[in-house]
């Protein structure tokens, strides 16, 4: 399995894509920089 990790300018993880299956997972943050949710799409 190979994962592609994407970060924003604040070095926060914004998304992970499983390059084997193509499944992405996106991460959201609140105004204080706390991760508040994930969104998985196929």
N, C-alpha and C. Protein backbone atom coordinates (compact mmCIF):
# COMPACT_ATOMS: atom_id res chain seq x y z
N UNK A 1 0.85 -1.17 0.00
CA UNK A 1 0.00 0.00 0.00
C UNK A 1 0.90 1.24 0.00
N UNK A 2 0.53 2.21 -0.81
CA UNK A 2 1.24 3.48 -0.87
C UNK A 2 0.26 4.59 -0.55
N UNK A 3 0.65 5.49 0.36
CA UNK A 3 -0.21 6.62 0.73
C UNK A 3 0.43 7.92 0.27
N UNK A 4 -0.39 8.81 -0.26
CA UNK A 4 0.04 10.15 -0.67
C UNK A 4 -0.53 11.13 0.34
N UNK A 5 0.35 11.76 1.14
CA UNK A 5 -0.07 12.69 2.20
C UNK A 5 0.04 14.12 1.69
N UNK A 6 -1.03 14.90 1.86
CA UNK A 6 -1.05 16.30 1.43
C UNK A 6 -1.23 17.21 2.64
N UNK A 7 -0.45 18.29 2.68
CA UNK A 7 -0.49 19.24 3.80
C UNK A 7 -0.77 20.64 3.27
N UNK A 8 -1.33 21.50 4.14
CA UNK A 8 -1.55 22.89 3.78
C UNK A 8 -0.35 23.73 4.20
N UNK A 9 -0.43 25.04 4.03
CA UNK A 9 0.67 25.94 4.37
C UNK A 9 1.01 25.95 5.85
N UNK A 10 0.06 25.57 6.71
CA UNK A 10 0.29 25.49 8.15
C UNK A 10 0.79 24.13 8.58
N UNK A 11 1.18 23.30 7.62
CA UNK A 11 1.70 21.95 7.85
C UNK A 11 0.67 21.04 8.51
N UNK A 12 -0.63 21.30 8.24
CA UNK A 12 -1.68 20.41 8.73
C UNK A 12 -2.02 19.41 7.63
N UNK A 13 -2.28 18.19 8.02
CA UNK A 13 -2.66 17.15 7.07
C UNK A 13 -4.04 17.50 6.51
N UNK A 14 -4.16 17.63 5.19
CA UNK A 14 -5.44 17.97 4.57
C UNK A 14 -6.08 16.79 3.86
N UNK A 15 -5.27 15.87 3.35
CA UNK A 15 -5.85 14.70 2.70
C UNK A 15 -4.82 13.59 2.60
N UNK A 16 -5.36 12.37 2.52
CA UNK A 16 -4.55 11.18 2.32
C UNK A 16 -5.20 10.41 1.18
N UNK A 17 -4.41 9.98 0.22
CA UNK A 17 -4.94 9.16 -0.86
C UNK A 17 -4.21 7.83 -0.87
N UNK A 18 -4.98 6.75 -0.83
CA UNK A 18 -4.42 5.42 -0.97
C UNK A 18 -4.17 5.23 -2.46
N UNK A 19 -2.91 5.24 -2.87
CA UNK A 19 -2.59 5.17 -4.30
C UNK A 19 -2.85 3.79 -4.88
N UNK A 20 -2.99 2.77 -4.04
CA UNK A 20 -3.30 1.43 -4.53
C UNK A 20 -4.76 1.33 -4.94
N UNK A 21 -5.67 1.87 -4.10
CA UNK A 21 -7.11 1.77 -4.38
C UNK A 21 -7.70 3.05 -4.95
N UNK A 22 -6.97 4.17 -4.82
CA UNK A 22 -7.48 5.46 -5.28
C UNK A 22 -8.42 6.13 -4.30
N UNK A 23 -8.60 5.53 -3.11
CA UNK A 23 -9.53 6.07 -2.12
C UNK A 23 -8.93 7.28 -1.40
N UNK A 24 -9.59 8.46 -1.51
CA UNK A 24 -9.10 9.65 -0.80
C UNK A 24 -9.83 9.85 0.53
N UNK A 25 -9.15 10.43 1.49
CA UNK A 25 -9.74 10.87 2.74
C UNK A 25 -9.31 12.31 2.96
N UNK A 26 -10.26 13.23 3.14
CA UNK A 26 -9.95 14.64 3.36
C UNK A 26 -10.23 15.01 4.81
N UNK A 27 -9.43 15.92 5.35
CA UNK A 27 -9.54 16.35 6.74
C UNK A 27 -9.86 17.83 6.80
N UNK A 28 -10.75 18.21 7.72
CA UNK A 28 -11.12 19.61 7.93
C UNK A 28 -10.67 20.07 9.31
N UNK A 29 -10.52 21.38 9.47
CA UNK A 29 -10.05 21.97 10.73
C UNK A 29 -10.94 23.13 11.13
N UNK A 30 -11.08 23.35 12.44
CA UNK A 30 -11.83 24.49 12.93
C UNK A 30 -10.92 25.72 13.00
N UNK A 31 -11.45 26.84 13.46
CA UNK A 31 -10.70 28.08 13.53
C UNK A 31 -9.50 28.05 14.45
N UNK A 32 -9.46 27.09 15.38
CA UNK A 32 -8.34 26.97 16.31
C UNK A 32 -7.31 25.96 15.83
N UNK A 33 -7.53 25.38 14.66
CA UNK A 33 -6.58 24.43 14.10
C UNK A 33 -6.79 22.99 14.53
N UNK A 34 -7.91 22.71 15.17
CA UNK A 34 -8.22 21.34 15.59
C UNK A 34 -8.90 20.58 14.45
N UNK A 35 -8.46 19.35 14.21
CA UNK A 35 -9.10 18.55 13.17
C UNK A 35 -10.51 18.21 13.63
N UNK A 36 -11.51 18.50 12.79
CA UNK A 36 -12.91 18.35 13.19
C UNK A 36 -13.67 17.28 12.42
N UNK A 37 -13.12 16.77 11.36
CA UNK A 37 -13.88 15.76 10.62
C UNK A 37 -13.10 15.20 9.46
N UNK A 38 -13.64 14.13 8.92
CA UNK A 38 -13.06 13.51 7.75
C UNK A 38 -14.14 13.32 6.71
N UNK A 39 -13.74 13.23 5.48
CA UNK A 39 -14.66 13.01 4.37
C UNK A 39 -14.02 11.96 3.47
N UNK A 40 -14.63 10.79 3.40
CA UNK A 40 -14.10 9.72 2.55
C UNK A 40 -14.97 9.62 1.31
N UNK A 41 -14.33 9.60 0.17
CA UNK A 41 -15.06 9.49 -1.10
C UNK A 41 -14.39 8.45 -1.96
N UNK A 42 -15.17 7.78 -2.75
CA UNK A 42 -14.64 6.81 -3.72
C UNK A 42 -14.96 7.29 -5.09
